[in-house]
Amino acid sequence: MKDPGNPKIHELNRRVVLCSQDDVVVNATTMELKRTGVVWAWARIKSHYGLPSYVSAQSDYTVMDPRTKATHAITVRSGIGVLVTNKAFVYEEFRKSPPRWYKVLGYSEPEGFLVMTCRMIERSDFAIPPQGDIFAPQPIRFEL
């Protein structure tokens, strides 16, 4: 995909949660994967066109390529102050469409923005939202 460049402010029109995945050991035989929300952000999401893919009857989005192939580029402002690691995920929620999970495969930091190359891993009404208190109102600092 051609580099889309830095977004204009009106292109940051998707509300996403940047998340971190942790392995939680419940007991000797059980382990849970827990995705905890870190920060809300406004994002631009661009699809990588030209990849062979389909949407099945079960609303699964599948790209017929290896697991390391990026399907989307997600751009947020870099002022959010997060460190992107191999445990990074992005959650996107809509009003009428099913929510989506993206696995972050890599990132770059052009001037003022954080561009993450991602792979959509889930699009379903049954997608589990991020855990933690990320859905609580976040304070906004401003001076009068």
C-alpha atoms as a PDB file:
ATOM      1  CA  MET A   1       0.000   0.000   0.000  1.00  0.00           C
ATOM      2  CA  LYS A   2       1.221   3.480  -0.810  1.00  0.00           C
ATOM      3  CA  ASP A   3       2.096   5.597   2.218  1.00  0.00           C
ATOM      4  CA  PRO A   4      -1.045   7.663   2.904  1.00  0.00           C
ATOM      5  CA  GLY A   5       0.948  10.435   4.588  1.00  0.00           C
ATOM      6  CA  ASN A   6      -0.026  12.349   7.685  1.00  0.00           C
ATOM      7  CA  PRO A   7      -3.797  12.581   8.181  1.00  0.00           C
ATOM      8  CA  LYS A   8      -5.825  15.751   8.254  1.00  0.00           C
ATOM      9  CA  ILE A   9      -7.767  16.313  11.478  1.00  0.00           C
ATOM     10  CA  HIS A  10     -11.082  15.292   9.869  1.00  0.00           C
ATOM     11  CA  GLU A  11      -9.566  11.918   8.886  1.00  0.00           C
ATOM     12  CA  LEU A  12      -9.078  10.933  12.544  1.00  0.00           C
ATOM     13  CA  ASN A  13     -12.709   9.821  12.718  1.00  0.00           C
ATOM     14  CA  ARG A  14     -12.536   6.354  14.307  1.00  0.00           C
ATOM     15  CA  ARG A  15     -12.614   5.857  18.088  1.00  0.00           C
ATOM     16  CA  VAL A  16     -10.228   3.061  19.116  1.00  0.00           C
ATOM     17  CA  VAL A  17      -8.738   1.628  22.289  1.00  0.00           C
ATOM     18  CA  LEU A  18      -5.057   0.709  22.352  1.00  0.00           C
ATOM     19  CA  CYS A  19      -4.703  -2.447  24.437  1.00  0.00           C
ATOM     20  CA  SER A  20      -2.090  -4.748  25.903  1.00  0.00           C
ATOM     21  CA  GLN A  21      -2.531  -8.518  26.120  1.00  0.00           C
ATOM     22  CA  ASP A  22      -1.434 -10.430  29.202  1.00  0.00           C
ATOM     23  CA  ASP A  23      -1.358 -14.138  30.015  1.00  0.00           C
ATOM     24  CA  VAL A  24      -3.033 -14.714  33.394  1.00  0.00           C
ATOM     25  CA  VAL A  25      -2.469 -18.083  35.082  1.00  0.00           C
ATOM     26  CA  VAL A  26      -5.693 -19.140  36.827  1.00  0.00           C
ATOM     27  CA  ASN A  27      -4.499 -22.498  38.158  1.00  0.00           C
ATOM     28  CA  ALA A  28      -2.099 -25.294  37.207  1.00  0.00           C
ATOM     29  CA  THR A  29      -4.079 -26.240  34.095  1.00  0.00           C
ATOM     30  CA  THR A  30      -5.760 -22.992  33.025  1.00  0.00           C
ATOM     31  CA  MET A  31      -4.457 -19.776  31.555  1.00  0.00           C
ATOM     32  CA  GLU A  32      -6.518 -16.794  30.361  1.00  0.00           C
ATOM     33  CA  LEU A  33      -5.640 -14.208  27.751  1.00  0.00           C
ATOM     34  CA  LYS A  34      -6.687 -10.784  29.004  1.00  0.00           C
ATOM     35  CA  ARG A  35      -6.645  -7.681  26.805  1.00  0.00           C
ATOM     36  CA  THR A  36      -6.535  -4.589  28.978  1.00  0.00           C
ATOM     37  CA  GLY A  37      -7.345  -1.179  27.567  1.00  0.00           C
ATOM     38  CA  VAL A  38      -4.567   1.387  27.930  1.00  0.00           C
ATOM     39  CA  VAL A  39      -5.823   4.552  26.226  1.00  0.00           C
ATOM     40  CA  TRP A  40      -8.645   5.813  23.993  1.00  0.00           C
ATOM     41  CA  ALA A  41      -7.596   7.606  20.820  1.00  0.00           C
ATOM     42  CA  TRP A  42      -9.025   9.026  17.607  1.00  0.00           C
ATOM     43  CA  ALA A  43      -7.607   7.188  14.608  1.00  0.00           C
ATOM     44  CA  ARG A  44      -7.554   6.927  10.856  1.00  0.00           C
ATOM     45  CA  ILE A  45      -7.875   3.350   9.593  1.00  0.00           C
ATOM     46  CA  LYS A  46      -6.826   2.565   6.023  1.00  0.00           C
ATOM     47  CA  SER A  47      -7.248  -0.847   4.394  1.00  0.00           C
ATOM     48  CA  HIS A  48      -4.446  -2.450   2.431  1.00  0.00           C
ATOM     49  CA  TYR A  49      -6.058  -3.106  -0.916  1.00  0.00           C
ATOM     50  CA  GLY A  50      -5.138  -5.886  -3.274  1.00  0.00           C
ATOM     51  CA  LEU A  51      -4.952  -8.678  -0.724  1.00  0.00           C
ATOM     52  CA  PRO A  52      -7.031 -11.773  -1.493  1.00  0.00           C
ATOM     53  CA  SER A  53      -9.730 -11.862   1.198  1.00  0.00           C
ATOM     54  CA  TYR A  54     -13.376 -12.609   1.883  1.00  0.00           C
ATOM     55  CA  VAL A  55     -16.058 -12.171   4.540  1.00  0.00           C
ATOM     56  CA  SER A  56     -17.751 -15.457   5.385  1.00  0.00           C
ATOM     57  CA  ALA A  57     -21.373 -16.007   6.432  1.00  0.00           C
ATOM     58  CA  GLN A  58     -20.227 -16.083  10.078  1.00  0.00           C
ATOM     59  CA  SER A  59     -18.874 -12.507   9.685  1.00  0.00           C
ATOM     60  CA  ASP A  60     -15.272 -13.678   9.871  1.00  0.00           C
ATOM     61  CA  TYR A  61     -12.870 -11.482   7.918  1.00  0.00           C
ATOM     62  CA  THR A  62     -10.182 -13.678   6.418  1.00  0.00           C
ATOM     63  CA  VAL A  63      -7.123 -12.736   4.419  1.00  0.00           C
ATOM     64  CA  MET A  64      -5.676 -15.669   2.535  1.00  0.00           C
ATOM     65  CA  ASP A  65      -2.074 -14.841   3.368  1.00  0.00           C
ATOM     66  CA  PRO A  66       0.360 -15.665   6.185  1.00  0.00           C
ATOM     67  CA  ARG A  67      -0.402 -14.403   9.688  1.00  0.00           C
ATOM     68  CA  THR A  68       2.279 -11.738   9.411  1.00  0.00           C
ATOM     69  CA  LYS A  69       0.569  -9.962   6.503  1.00  0.00           C
ATOM     70  CA  ALA A  70      -0.826  -6.535   7.394  1.00  0.00           C
ATOM     71  CA  THR A  71      -4.431  -5.788   6.415  1.00  0.00           C
ATOM     72  CA  HIS A  72      -4.795  -2.227   7.803  1.00  0.00           C
ATOM     73  CA  ALA A  73      -2.761   0.835   8.758  1.00  0.00           C
ATOM     74  CA  ILE A  74      -3.997   2.626  11.893  1.00  0.00           C
ATOM     75  CA  THR A  75      -2.762   6.175  12.522  1.00  0.00           C
ATOM     76  CA  VAL A  76      -3.112   8.052  15.837  1.00  0.00           C
ATOM     77  CA  ARG A  77      -1.477  11.197  17.198  1.00  0.00           C
ATOM     78  CA  SER A  78       1.868  10.428  18.839  1.00  0.00           C
ATOM     79  CA  GLY A  79       1.138  12.619  21.872  1.00  0.00           C
ATOM     80  CA  ILE A  80      -0.721   9.770  23.600  1.00  0.00           C
ATOM     81  CA  GLY A  81       2.578   8.559  25.080  1.00  0.00           C
ATOM     82  CA  VAL A  82       2.356   4.776  24.710  1.00  0.00           C
ATOM     83  CA  LEU A  83       5.094   2.250  24.056  1.00  0.00           C
ATOM     84  CA  VAL A  84       4.121  -0.222  21.327  1.00  0.00           C
ATOM     85  CA  THR A  85       5.298  -3.788  22.023  1.00  0.00           C
ATOM     86  CA  ASN A  86       4.556  -7.218  20.606  1.00  0.00           C
ATOM     87  CA  LYS A  87       1.563  -7.479  23.005  1.00  0.00           C
ATOM     88  CA  ALA A  88      -0.255  -4.509  21.431  1.00  0.00           C
ATOM     89  CA  PHE A  89      -3.818  -4.797  20.120  1.00  0.00           C
ATOM     90  CA  VAL A  90      -6.348  -2.238  18.866  1.00  0.00           C
ATOM     91  CA  TYR A  91     -10.086  -2.475  19.579  1.00  0.00           C
ATOM     92  CA  GLU A  92     -12.616  -0.581  17.469  1.00  0.00           C
ATOM     93  CA  GLU A  93     -16.286  -0.356  18.356  1.00  0.00           C
ATOM     94  CA  PHE A  94     -19.176   0.879  16.234  1.00  0.00           C
ATOM     95  CA  ARG A  95     -22.822   1.708  16.931  1.00  0.00           C
ATOM     96  CA  LYS A  96     -24.359  -0.630  14.357  1.00  0.00           C
ATOM     97  CA  SER A  97     -21.527  -2.785  12.976  1.00  0.00           C
ATOM     98  CA  PRO A  98     -19.739  -5.524  14.922  1.00  0.00           C
ATOM     99  CA  PRO A  99     -16.647  -4.510  16.913  1.00  0.00           C
ATOM    100  CA  ARG A 100     -13.191  -5.346  15.569  1.00  0.00           C
ATOM    101  CA  TRP A 101      -9.862  -6.462  17.007  1.00  0.00           C
ATOM    102  CA  TYR A 102      -6.563  -5.718  15.271  1.00  0.00           C
ATOM    103  CA  LYS A 103      -3.147  -7.205  16.143  1.00  0.00           C
ATOM    104  CA  VAL A 104      -0.335  -4.664  15.845  1.00  0.00           C
ATOM    105  CA  LEU A 105       2.475  -6.099  13.717  1.00  0.00           C
ATOM    106  CA  GLY A 106       4.768  -3.064  13.607  1.00  0.00           C
ATOM    107  CA  TYR A 107       4.818   0.698  13.790  1.00  0.00           C
ATOM    108  CA  SER A 108       6.556   3.837  12.607  1.00  0.00           C
ATOM    109  CA  GLU A 109       6.561   7.361  13.982  1.00  0.00           C
ATOM    110  CA  PRO A 110       6.417  10.017  11.299  1.00  0.00           C
ATOM    111  CA  GLU A 111       6.342  13.591  12.572  1.00  0.00           C
ATOM    112  CA  GLY A 112       3.525  13.967  15.111  1.00  0.00           C
ATOM    113  CA  PHE A 113       1.831  10.608  14.441  1.00  0.00           C
ATOM    114  CA  LEU A 114       2.075   6.921  15.303  1.00  0.00           C
ATOM    115  CA  VAL A 115       1.316   4.623  12.344  1.00  0.00           C
ATOM    116  CA  MET A 116       0.684   0.986  13.250  1.00  0.00           C
ATOM    117  CA  THR A 117       0.561  -1.772  10.640  1.00  0.00           C
ATOM    118  CA  CYS A 118      -2.092  -4.209  11.826  1.00  0.00           C
ATOM    119  CA  ARG A 119      -3.904  -7.395  10.933  1.00  0.00           C
ATOM    120  CA  MET A 120      -7.631  -7.681  11.590  1.00  0.00           C
ATOM    121  CA  ILE A 121      -8.062 -10.801  13.693  1.00  0.00           C
ATOM    122  CA  GLU A 122     -11.725 -10.604  14.698  1.00  0.00           C
ATOM    123  CA  ARG A 123     -14.913  -8.926  13.534  1.00  0.00           C
ATOM    124  CA  SER A 124     -17.887 -10.270  15.437  1.00  0.00           C
ATOM    125  CA  ASP A 125     -20.845  -9.266  17.591  1.00  0.00           C
ATOM    126  CA  PHE A 126     -19.405 -11.650  20.189  1.00  0.00           C
ATOM    127  CA  ALA A 127     -15.990  -9.967  20.359  1.00  0.00           C
ATOM    128  CA  ILE A 128     -15.042  -9.411  23.990  1.00  0.00           C
ATOM    129  CA  PRO A 129     -14.337  -5.719  24.709  1.00  0.00           C
ATOM    130  CA  PRO A 130     -11.133  -4.661  26.500  1.00  0.00           C
ATOM    131  CA  GLN A 131     -11.040  -5.240  30.235  1.00  0.00           C
ATOM    132  CA  GLY A 132     -10.153  -2.723  32.894  1.00  0.00           C
ATOM    133  CA  ASP A 133     -11.455   0.736  33.713  1.00  0.00           C
ATOM    134  CA  ILE A 134     -10.664   2.240  30.294  1.00  0.00           C
ATOM    135  CA  PHE A 135     -14.391   2.824  29.772  1.00  0.00           C
ATOM    136  CA  ALA A 136     -14.542   5.145  32.777  1.00  0.00           C
ATOM    137  CA  PRO A 137     -14.590   8.856  31.865  1.00  0.00           C
ATOM    138  CA  GLN A 138     -11.093  10.207  31.364  1.00  0.00           C
ATOM    139  CA  PRO A 139     -10.193  13.613  32.806  1.00  0.00           C
ATOM    140  CA  ILE A 140      -9.402  16.384  30.367  1.00  0.00           C
ATOM    141  CA  ARG A 141      -6.920  19.042  31.456  1.00  0.00           C
ATOM    142  CA  PHE A 142      -7.517  22.600  30.426  1.00  0.00           C
ATOM    143  CA  GLU A 143      -7.086  26.023  31.915  1.00  0.00           C
ATOM    144  CA  LEU A 144      -9.771  28.671  31.997  1.00  0.00           C
END
